[in-house]
Amino acid sequence: MKIKKVPLRTCVACHTTRPKKELMRVVRQPDGQLLIDTKGKVSGRGAYLCPSRQCITGALKTHRIERALEVPLPEDLVAALNQLAEELP
């Protein structure tokens, strides 16, 4: 029986390496649109974050998501990420 390789990704805020499914992804699509990718399947450049309030707020404060995606974040996406951070422990 062959062991399936688990893809690993690194959080842009805390630099912790975790399995891809444990992290949330913010993606810049080829057309330039930015969105939160819940399924991990949207094509484009991605920035991964731990699903924790500390990582999300830290990444927004230090502009790490913007650096990883190489574009400024629109206000609606920042608001959505802040809302998501409020709901998390």
PDB file of N, CA and C in Angstrom:
ATOM      1  N   MET A   1       0.840  -1.179   0.000  1.00  0.00           N
ATOM      2  CA  MET A   1       0.000   0.000   0.000  1.00  0.00           C
ATOM      3  C   MET A   1       0.887   1.245   0.000  1.00  0.00           C
ATOM      4  N   LYS A   2       0.556   2.192  -0.868  1.00  0.00           N
ATOM      5  CA  LYS A   2       1.344   3.408  -0.987  1.00  0.00           C
ATOM      6  C   LYS A   2       0.832   4.473  -0.026  1.00  0.00           C
ATOM      7  N   ILE A   3       1.749   5.133   0.670  1.00  0.00           N
ATOM      8  CA  ILE A   3       1.375   6.200   1.592  1.00  0.00           C
ATOM      9  C   ILE A   3       1.209   7.487   0.792  1.00  0.00           C
ATOM     10  N   LYS A   4       0.059   8.146   0.992  1.00  0.00           N
ATOM     11  CA  LYS A   4      -0.230   9.374   0.266  1.00  0.00           C
ATOM     12  C   LYS A   4       0.512  10.544   0.904  1.00  0.00           C
ATOM     13  N   LYS A   5       1.167  11.350   0.072  1.00  0.00           N
ATOM     14  CA  LYS A   5       1.908  12.507   0.560  1.00  0.00           C
ATOM     15  C   LYS A   5       0.936  13.627   0.930  1.00  0.00           C
ATOM     16  N   VAL A   6       1.109  14.202   2.107  1.00  0.00           N
ATOM     17  CA  VAL A   6       0.262  15.291   2.578  1.00  0.00           C
ATOM     18  C   VAL A   6       0.948  16.608   2.218  1.00  0.00           C
ATOM     19  N   PRO A   7       0.286  17.474   1.416  1.00  0.00           N
ATOM     20  CA  PRO A   7       0.928  18.744   1.066  1.00  0.00           C
ATOM     21  C   PRO A   7       1.018  19.668   2.280  1.00  0.00           C
ATOM     22  N   LEU A   8       2.189  20.255   2.486  1.00  0.00           N
ATOM     23  CA  LEU A   8       2.421  21.155   3.607  1.00  0.00           C
ATOM     24  C   LEU A   8       2.517  22.593   3.105  1.00  0.00           C
ATOM     25  N   ARG A   9       2.020  23.526   3.898  1.00  0.00           N
ATOM     26  CA  ARG A   9       2.107  24.950   3.580  1.00  0.00           C
ATOM     27  C   ARG A   9       2.528  25.696   4.835  1.00  0.00           C
ATOM     28  N   THR A  10       3.057  26.906   4.661  1.00  0.00           N
ATOM     29  CA  THR A  10       3.539  27.714   5.771  1.00  0.00           C
ATOM     30  C   THR A  10       2.656  28.937   5.955  1.00  0.00           C
ATOM     31  N   CYS A  11       2.277  29.203   7.187  1.00  0.00           N
ATOM     32  CA  CYS A  11       1.481  30.382   7.529  1.00  0.00           C
ATOM     33  C   CYS A  11       2.342  31.627   7.313  1.00  0.00           C
ATOM     34  N   VAL A  12       1.790  32.641   6.636  1.00  0.00           N
ATOM     35  CA  VAL A  12       2.556  33.863   6.376  1.00  0.00           C
ATOM     36  C   VAL A  12       2.742  34.691   7.643  1.00  0.00           C
ATOM     37  N   ALA A  13       1.939  34.462   8.673  1.00  0.00           N
ATOM     38  CA  ALA A  13       2.030  35.253   9.902  1.00  0.00           C
ATOM     39  C   ALA A  13       3.019  34.648  10.900  1.00  0.00           C
ATOM     40  N   CYS A  14       2.825  33.377  11.255  1.00  0.00           N
ATOM     41  CA  CYS A  14       3.643  32.772  12.312  1.00  0.00           C
ATOM     42  C   CYS A  14       4.720  31.829  11.768  1.00  0.00           C
ATOM     43  N   HIS A  15       4.729  31.577  10.477  1.00  0.00           N
ATOM     44  CA  HIS A  15       5.715  30.722   9.797  1.00  0.00           C
ATOM     45  C   HIS A  15       5.691  29.277  10.283  1.00  0.00           C
ATOM     46  N   THR A  16       4.526  28.816  10.751  1.00  0.00           N
ATOM     47  CA  THR A  16       4.357  27.429  11.152  1.00  0.00           C
ATOM     48  C   THR A  16       3.990  26.604   9.924  1.00  0.00           C
ATOM     49  N   THR A  17       4.639  25.468   9.730  1.00  0.00           N
ATOM     50  CA  THR A  17       4.323  24.582   8.621  1.00  0.00           C
ATOM     51  C   THR A  17       3.283  23.576   9.087  1.00  0.00           C
ATOM     52  N   ARG A  18       2.172  23.518   8.340  1.00  0.00           N
ATOM     53  CA  ARG A  18       1.069  22.620   8.672  1.00  0.00           C
ATOM     54  C   ARG A  18       0.538  21.978   7.392  1.00  0.00           C
ATOM     55  N   PRO A  19      -0.255  20.906   7.525  1.00  0.00           N
ATOM     56  CA  PRO A  19      -0.921  20.363   6.339  1.00  0.00           C
ATOM     57  C   PRO A  19      -1.836  21.413   5.705  1.00  0.00           C
ATOM     58  N   LYS A  20      -1.897  21.417   4.393  1.00  0.00           N
ATOM     59  CA  LYS A  20      -2.656  22.410   3.630  1.00  0.00           C
ATOM     60  C   LYS A  20      -4.107  22.525   4.094  1.00  0.00           C
ATOM     61  N   LYS A  21      -4.737  21.414   4.418  1.00  0.00           N
ATOM     62  CA  LYS A  21      -6.152  21.418   4.816  1.00  0.00           C
ATOM     63  C   LYS A  21      -6.400  22.115   6.147  1.00  0.00           C
ATOM     64  N   GLU A  22      -5.375  22.250   6.989  1.00  0.00           N
ATOM     65  CA  GLU A  22      -5.539  22.906   8.288  1.00  0.00           C
ATOM     66  C   GLU A  22      -5.449  24.430   8.196  1.00  0.00           C
ATOM     67  N   LEU A  23      -4.989  24.950   7.062  1.00  0.00           N
ATOM     68  CA  LEU A  23      -4.802  26.391   6.902  1.00  0.00           C
ATOM     69  C   LEU A  23      -5.886  26.993   6.017  1.00  0.00           C
ATOM     70  N   MET A  24      -6.134  28.300   6.194  1.00  0.00           N
ATOM     71  CA  MET A  24      -7.044  28.994   5.288  1.00  0.00           C
ATOM     72  C   MET A  24      -6.206  29.726   4.248  1.00  0.00           C
ATOM     73  N   ARG A  25      -6.799  30.000   3.093  1.00  0.00           N
ATOM     74  CA  ARG A  25      -6.050  30.550   1.971  1.00  0.00           C
ATOM     75  C   ARG A  25      -6.711  31.811   1.449  1.00  0.00           C
ATOM     76  N   VAL A  26      -5.900  32.835   1.235  1.00  0.00           N
ATOM     77  CA  VAL A  26      -6.334  34.039   0.536  1.00  0.00           C
ATOM     78  C   VAL A  26      -5.654  33.961  -0.823  1.00  0.00           C
ATOM     79  N   VAL A  27      -6.415  34.111  -1.906  1.00  0.00           N
ATOM     80  CA  VAL A  27      -5.872  33.888  -3.238  1.00  0.00           C
ATOM     81  C   VAL A  27      -6.061  35.105  -4.141  1.00  0.00           C
ATOM     82  N   ARG A  28      -5.041  35.352  -4.970  1.00  0.00           N
ATOM     83  CA  ARG A  28      -5.144  36.344  -6.035  1.00  0.00           C
ATOM     84  C   ARG A  28      -5.307  35.564  -7.337  1.00  0.00           C
ATOM     85  N   GLN A  29      -6.476  35.695  -7.938  1.00  0.00           N
ATOM     86  CA  GLN A  29      -6.762  34.971  -9.166  1.00  0.00           C
ATOM     87  C   GLN A  29      -6.011  35.603 -10.336  1.00  0.00           C
ATOM     88  N   PRO A  30      -5.873  34.876 -11.442  1.00  0.00           N
ATOM     89  CA  PRO A  30      -5.159  35.428 -12.602  1.00  0.00           C
ATOM     90  C   PRO A  30      -5.745  36.748 -13.121  1.00  0.00           C
ATOM     91  N   ASP A  31      -7.045  36.973 -12.907  1.00  0.00           N
ATOM     92  CA  ASP A  31      -7.656  38.233 -13.356  1.00  0.00           C
ATOM     93  C   ASP A  31      -7.451  39.366 -12.348  1.00  0.00           C
ATOM     94  N   GLY A  32      -6.750  39.088 -11.228  1.00  0.00           N
ATOM     95  CA  GLY A  32      -6.447  40.111 -10.241  1.00  0.00           C
ATOM     96  C   GLY A  32      -7.409  40.169  -9.068  1.00  0.00           C
ATOM     97  N   GLN A  33      -8.498  39.423  -9.128  1.00  0.00           N
ATOM     98  CA  GLN A  33      -9.488  39.428  -8.054  1.00  0.00           C
ATOM     99  C   GLN A  33      -8.932  38.698  -6.831  1.00  0.00           C
ATOM    100  N   LEU A  34      -9.182  39.256  -5.634  1.00  0.00           N
ATOM    101  CA  LEU A  34      -8.746  38.638  -4.377  1.00  0.00           C
ATOM    102  C   LEU A  34      -9.939  38.074  -3.641  1.00  0.00           C
ATOM    103  N   LEU A  35      -9.766  36.867  -3.078  1.00  0.00           N
ATOM    104  CA  LEU A  35     -10.850  36.263  -2.309  1.00  0.00           C
ATOM    105  C   LEU A  35     -10.306  35.254  -1.322  1.00  0.00           C
ATOM    106  N   ILE A  36     -11.160  34.900  -0.358  1.00  0.00           N
ATOM    107  CA  ILE A  36     -10.820  33.856   0.607  1.00  0.00           C
ATOM    108  C   ILE A  36     -11.253  32.530  -0.004  1.00  0.00           C
ATOM    109  N   ASP A  37     -10.292  31.633  -0.179  1.00  0.00           N
ATOM    110  CA  ASP A  37     -10.544  30.335  -0.805  1.00  0.00           C
ATOM    111  C   ASP A  37     -10.840  29.315   0.285  1.00  0.00           C
ATOM    112  N   THR A  38     -12.102  28.933   0.404  1.00  0.00           N
ATOM    113  CA  THR A  38     -12.492  27.996   1.461  1.00  0.00           C
ATOM    114  C   THR A  38     -12.172  26.547   1.105  1.00  0.00           C
ATOM    115  N   LYS A  39     -12.172  26.205  -0.170  1.00  0.00           N
ATOM    116  CA  LYS A  39     -11.941  24.822  -0.592  1.00  0.00           C
ATOM    117  C   LYS A  39     -10.478  24.518  -0.911  1.00  0.00           C
ATOM    118  N   GLY A  40      -9.666  25.553  -1.162  1.00  0.00           N
ATOM    119  CA  GLY A  40      -8.261  25.340  -1.508  1.00  0.00           C
ATOM    120  C   GLY A  40      -8.064  24.915  -2.941  1.00  0.00           C
ATOM    121  N   LYS A  41      -9.038  25.183  -3.810  1.00  0.00           N
ATOM    122  CA  LYS A  41      -8.985  24.713  -5.189  1.00  0.00           C
ATOM    123  C   LYS A  41      -8.918  25.841  -6.228  1.00  0.00           C
ATOM    124  N   VAL A  42      -9.124  27.096  -5.803  1.00  0.00           N
ATOM    125  CA  VAL A  42      -9.154  28.213  -6.744  1.00  0.00           C
ATOM    126  C   VAL A  42      -7.751  28.428  -7.307  1.00  0.00           C
ATOM    127  N   SER A  43      -7.655  28.626  -8.625  1.00  0.00           N
ATOM    128  CA  SER A  43      -6.344  28.825  -9.226  1.00  0.00           C
ATOM    129  C   SER A  43      -5.862  30.244  -8.960  1.00  0.00           C
ATOM    130  N   GLY A  44      -4.565  30.383  -8.789  1.00  0.00           N
ATOM    131  CA  GLY A  44      -3.967  31.680  -8.547  1.00  0.00           C
ATOM    132  C   GLY A  44      -2.922  31.610  -7.453  1.00  0.00           C
ATOM    133  N   ARG A  45      -2.345  32.766  -7.152  1.00  0.00           N
ATOM    134  CA  ARG A  45      -1.310  32.865  -6.120  1.00  0.00           C
ATOM    135  C   ARG A  45      -1.961  32.914  -4.752  1.00  0.00           C
ATOM    136  N   GLY A  46      -1.504  32.074  -3.840  1.00  0.00           N
ATOM    137  CA  GLY A  46      -2.136  31.979  -2.537  1.00  0.00           C
ATOM    138  C   GLY A  46      -1.230  32.364  -1.386  1.00  0.00           C
ATOM    139  N   ALA A  47      -1.856  32.839  -0.320  1.00  0.00           N
ATOM    140  CA  ALA A  47      -1.181  33.105   0.948  1.00  0.00           C
ATOM    141  C   ALA A  47      -1.952  32.338   2.007  1.00  0.00           C
ATOM    142  N   TYR A  48      -1.248  31.533   2.773  1.00  0.00           N
ATOM    143  CA  TYR A  48      -1.890  30.671   3.762  1.00  0.00           C
ATOM    144  C   TYR A  48      -1.788  31.260   5.161  1.00  0.00           C
ATOM    145  N   LEU A  49      -2.853  31.081   5.942  1.00  0.00           N
ATOM    146  CA  LEU A  49      -2.923  31.579   7.316  1.00  0.00           C
ATOM    147  C   LEU A  49      -3.477  30.498   8.236  1.00  0.00           C
ATOM    148  N   CYS A  50      -2.949  30.450   9.460  1.00  0.00           N
ATOM    149  CA  CYS A  50      -3.544  29.591  10.478  1.00  0.00           C
ATOM    150  C   CYS A  50      -4.938  30.147  10.787  1.00  0.00           C
ATOM    151  N   PRO A  51      -5.904  29.283  11.027  1.00  0.00           N
ATOM    152  CA  PRO A  51      -7.255  29.769  11.350  1.00  0.00           C
ATOM    153  C   PRO A  51      -7.335  30.222  12.805  1.00  0.00           C
ATOM    154  N   SER A  52      -6.567  31.247  13.156  1.00  0.00           N
ATOM    155  CA  SER A  52      -6.583  31.785  14.510  1.00  0.00           C
ATOM    156  C   SER A  52      -6.640  33.302  14.455  1.00  0.00           C
ATOM    157  N   ARG A  53      -7.231  33.895  15.459  1.00  0.00           N
ATOM    158  CA  ARG A  53      -7.356  35.352  15.536  1.00  0.00           C
ATOM    159  C   ARG A  53      -5.976  36.007  15.513  1.00  0.00           C
ATOM    160  N   GLN A  54      -5.035  35.429  16.253  1.00  0.00           N
ATOM    161  CA  GLN A  54      -3.699  35.997  16.365  1.00  0.00           C
ATOM    162  C   GLN A  54      -2.992  36.057  15.009  1.00  0.00           C
ATOM    163  N   CYS A  55      -3.061  35.001  14.220  1.00  0.00           N
ATOM    164  CA  CYS A  55      -2.384  34.973  12.920  1.00  0.00           C
ATOM    165  C   CYS A  55      -3.053  35.924  11.920  1.00  0.00           C
ATOM    166  N   ILE A  56      -4.374  35.945  11.903  1.00  0.00           N
ATOM    167  CA  ILE A  56      -5.076  36.809  10.943  1.00  0.00           C
ATOM    168  C   ILE A  56      -4.804  38.280  11.250  1.00  0.00           C
ATOM    169  N   THR A  57      -4.967  38.682  12.505  1.00  0.00           N
ATOM    170  CA  THR A  57      -4.745  40.091  12.850  1.00  0.00           C
ATOM    171  C   THR A  57      -3.271  40.468  12.691  1.00  0.00           C
ATOM    172  N   GLY A  58      -2.378  39.558  13.035  1.00  0.00           N
ATOM    173  CA  GLY A  58      -0.947  39.823  12.870  1.00  0.00           C
ATOM    174  C   GLY A  58      -0.555  39.989  11.413  1.00  0.00           C
ATOM    175  N   ALA A  59      -1.103  39.145  10.545  1.00  0.00           N
ATOM    176  CA  ALA A  59      -0.797  39.233   9.115  1.00  0.00           C
ATOM    177  C   ALA A  59      -1.347  40.521   8.505  1.00  0.00           C
ATOM    178  N   LEU A  60      -2.532  40.945   8.959  1.00  0.00           N
ATOM    179  CA  LEU A  60      -3.102  42.195   8.454  1.00  0.00           C
ATOM    180  C   LEU A  60      -2.290  43.398   8.944  1.00  0.00           C
ATOM    181  N   LYS A  61      -1.884  43.357  10.203  1.00  0.00           N
ATOM    182  CA  LYS A  61      -1.159  44.485  10.798  1.00  0.00           C
ATOM    183  C   LYS A  61       0.216  44.688  10.147  1.00  0.00           C
ATOM    184  N   THR A  62       0.894  43.595   9.827  1.00  0.00           N
ATOM    185  CA  THR A  62       2.242  43.685   9.253  1.00  0.00           C
ATOM    186  C   THR A  62       2.253  43.596   7.727  1.00  0.00           C
ATOM    187  N   HIS A  63       1.070  43.570   7.108  1.00  0.00           N
ATOM    188  CA  HIS A  63       0.916  43.541   5.643  1.00  0.00           C
ATOM    189  C   HIS A  63       1.564  42.312   4.998  1.00  0.00           C
ATOM    190  N   ARG A  64       1.595  41.204   5.713  1.00  0.00           N
ATOM    191  CA  ARG A  64       2.222  39.993   5.170  1.00  0.00           C
ATOM    192  C   ARG A  64       1.420  39.368   4.033  1.00  0.00           C
ATOM    193  N   ILE A  65       0.099  39.479   4.100  1.00  0.00           N
ATOM    194  CA  ILE A  65      -0.736  38.930   3.026  1.00  0.00           C
ATOM    195  C   ILE A  65      -0.481  39.731   1.747  1.00  0.00           C
ATOM    196  N   GLU A  66      -0.437  41.049   1.880  1.00  0.00           N
ATOM    197  CA  GLU A  66      -0.178  41.909   0.722  1.00  0.00           C
ATOM    198  C   GLU A  66       1.173  41.592   0.093  1.00  0.00           C
ATOM    199  N   ARG A  67       2.188  41.379   0.926  1.00  0.00           N
ATOM    200  CA  ARG A  67       3.519  41.044   0.415  1.00  0.00           C
ATOM    201  C   ARG A  67       3.522  39.693  -0.296  1.00  0.00           C
ATOM    202  N   ALA A  68       2.830  38.721   0.276  1.00  0.00           N
ATOM    203  CA  ALA A  68       2.801  37.385  -0.317  1.00  0.00           C
ATOM    204  C   ALA A  68       2.049  37.373  -1.647  1.00  0.00           C
ATOM    205  N   LEU A  69       0.974  38.163  -1.732  1.00  0.00           N
ATOM    206  CA  LEU A  69       0.168  38.195  -2.963  1.00  0.00           C
ATOM    207  C   LEU A  69       0.637  39.261  -3.948  1.00  0.00           C
ATOM    208  N   GLU A  70       1.542  40.119  -3.505  1.00  0.00           N
ATOM    209  CA  GLU A  70       2.134  41.171  -4.335  1.00  0.00           C
ATOM    210  C   GLU A  70       1.129  42.203  -4.829  1.00  0.00           C
ATOM    211  N   VAL A  71       0.041  42.415  -4.087  1.00  0.00           N
ATOM    212  CA  VAL A  71      -0.960  43.450  -4.391  1.00  0.00           C
ATOM    213  C   VAL A  71      -1.544  43.974  -3.078  1.00  0.00           C
ATOM    214  N   PRO A  72      -2.018  45.238  -3.055  1.00  0.00           N
ATOM    215  CA  PRO A  72      -2.684  45.734  -1.845  1.00  0.00           C
ATOM    216  C   PRO A  72      -4.047  45.059  -1.663  1.00  0.00           C
ATOM    217  N   LEU A  73      -4.452  44.869  -0.411  1.00  0.00           N
ATOM    218  CA  LEU A  73      -5.740  44.234  -0.127  1.00  0.00           C
ATOM    219  C   LEU A  73      -6.855  45.265  -0.197  1.00  0.00           C
ATOM    220  N   PRO A  74      -7.968  44.944  -0.864  1.00  0.00           N
ATOM    221  CA  PRO A  74      -9.111  45.855  -0.869  1.00  0.00           C
ATOM    222  C   PRO A  74      -9.777  45.885   0.508  1.00  0.00           C
ATOM    223  N   GLU A  75     -10.460  46.991   0.802  1.00  0.00           N
ATOM    224  CA  GLU A  75     -11.088  47.181   2.112  1.00  0.00           C
ATOM    225  C   GLU A  75     -12.108  46.091   2.449  1.00  0.00           C
ATOM    226  N   ASP A  76     -12.860  45.622   1.436  1.00  0.00           N
ATOM    227  CA  ASP A  76     -13.880  44.599   1.714  1.00  0.00           C
ATOM    228  C   ASP A  76     -13.251  43.274   2.148  1.00  0.00           C
ATOM    229  N   LEU A  77     -12.091  42.932   1.586  1.00  0.00           N
ATOM    230  CA  LEU A  77     -11.405  41.702   1.990  1.00  0.00           C
ATOM    231  C   LEU A  77     -10.815  41.851   3.387  1.00  0.00           C
ATOM    232  N   VAL A  78     -10.266  43.019   3.700  1.00  0.00           N
ATOM    233  CA  VAL A  78      -9.743  43.277   5.044  1.00  0.00           C
ATOM    234  C   VAL A  78     -10.879  43.161   6.066  1.00  0.00           C
ATOM    235  N   ALA A  79     -12.045  43.739   5.726  1.00  0.00           N
ATOM    236  CA  ALA A  79     -13.203  43.660   6.616  1.00  0.00           C
ATOM    237  C   ALA A  79     -13.650  42.204   6.803  1.00  0.00           C
ATOM    238  N   ALA A  80     -13.650  41.423   5.717  1.00  0.00           N
ATOM    239  CA  ALA A  80     -14.047  40.014   5.804  1.00  0.00           C
ATOM    240  C   ALA A  80     -13.067  39.225   6.680  1.00  0.00           C
ATOM    241  N   LEU A  81     -11.779  39.497   6.542  1.00  0.00           N
ATOM    242  CA  LEU A  81     -10.782  38.809   7.361  1.00  0.00           C
ATOM    243  C   LEU A  81     -10.902  39.220   8.833  1.00  0.00           C
ATOM    244  N   ASN A  82     -11.154  40.503   9.095  1.00  0.00           N
ATOM    245  CA  ASN A  82     -11.357  40.955  10.470  1.00  0.00           C
ATOM    246  C   ASN A  82     -12.597  40.314  11.080  1.00  0.00           C
ATOM    247  N   GLN A  83     -13.660  40.198  10.296  1.00  0.00           N
ATOM    248  CA  GLN A  83     -14.886  39.549  10.760  1.00  0.00           C
ATOM    249  C   GLN A  83     -14.619  38.079  11.093  1.00  0.00           C
ATOM    250  N   LEU A  84     -13.866  37.414  10.220  1.00  0.00           N
ATOM    251  CA  LEU A  84     -13.504  36.014  10.437  1.00  0.00           C
ATOM    252  C   LEU A  84     -12.659  35.867  11.706  1.00  0.00           C
ATOM    253  N   ALA A  85     -11.734  36.797  11.913  1.00  0.00           N
ATOM    254  CA  ALA A  85     -10.888  36.746  13.106  1.00  0.00           C
ATOM    255  C   ALA A  85     -11.701  36.901  14.384  1.00  0.00           C
ATOM    256  N   GLU A  86     -12.743  37.741  14.329  1.00  0.00           N
ATOM    257  CA  GLU A  86     -13.604  37.937  15.504  1.00  0.00           C
ATOM    258  C   GLU A  86     -14.355  36.671  15.881  1.00  0.00           C
ATOM    259  N   GLU A  87     -14.679  35.849  14.888  1.00  0.00           N
ATOM    260  CA  GLU A  87     -15.438  34.617  15.125  1.00  0.00           C
ATOM    261  C   GLU A  87     -14.562  33.473  15.638  1.00  0.00           C
ATOM    262  N   LEU A  88     -13.241  33.598  15.479  1.00  0.00           N
ATOM    263  CA  LEU A  88     -12.338  32.532  15.872  1.00  0.00           C
ATOM    264  C   LEU A  88     -11.870  32.708  17.315  1.00  0.00           C
ATOM    265  N   PRO A  89     -11.424  31.616  17.932  1.00  0.00           N
ATOM    266  CA  PRO A  89     -10.930  31.695  19.328  1.00  0.00           C
ATOM    267  C   PRO A  89      -9.600  32.424  19.406  1.00  0.00           C
TER     268      PRO A  89
END
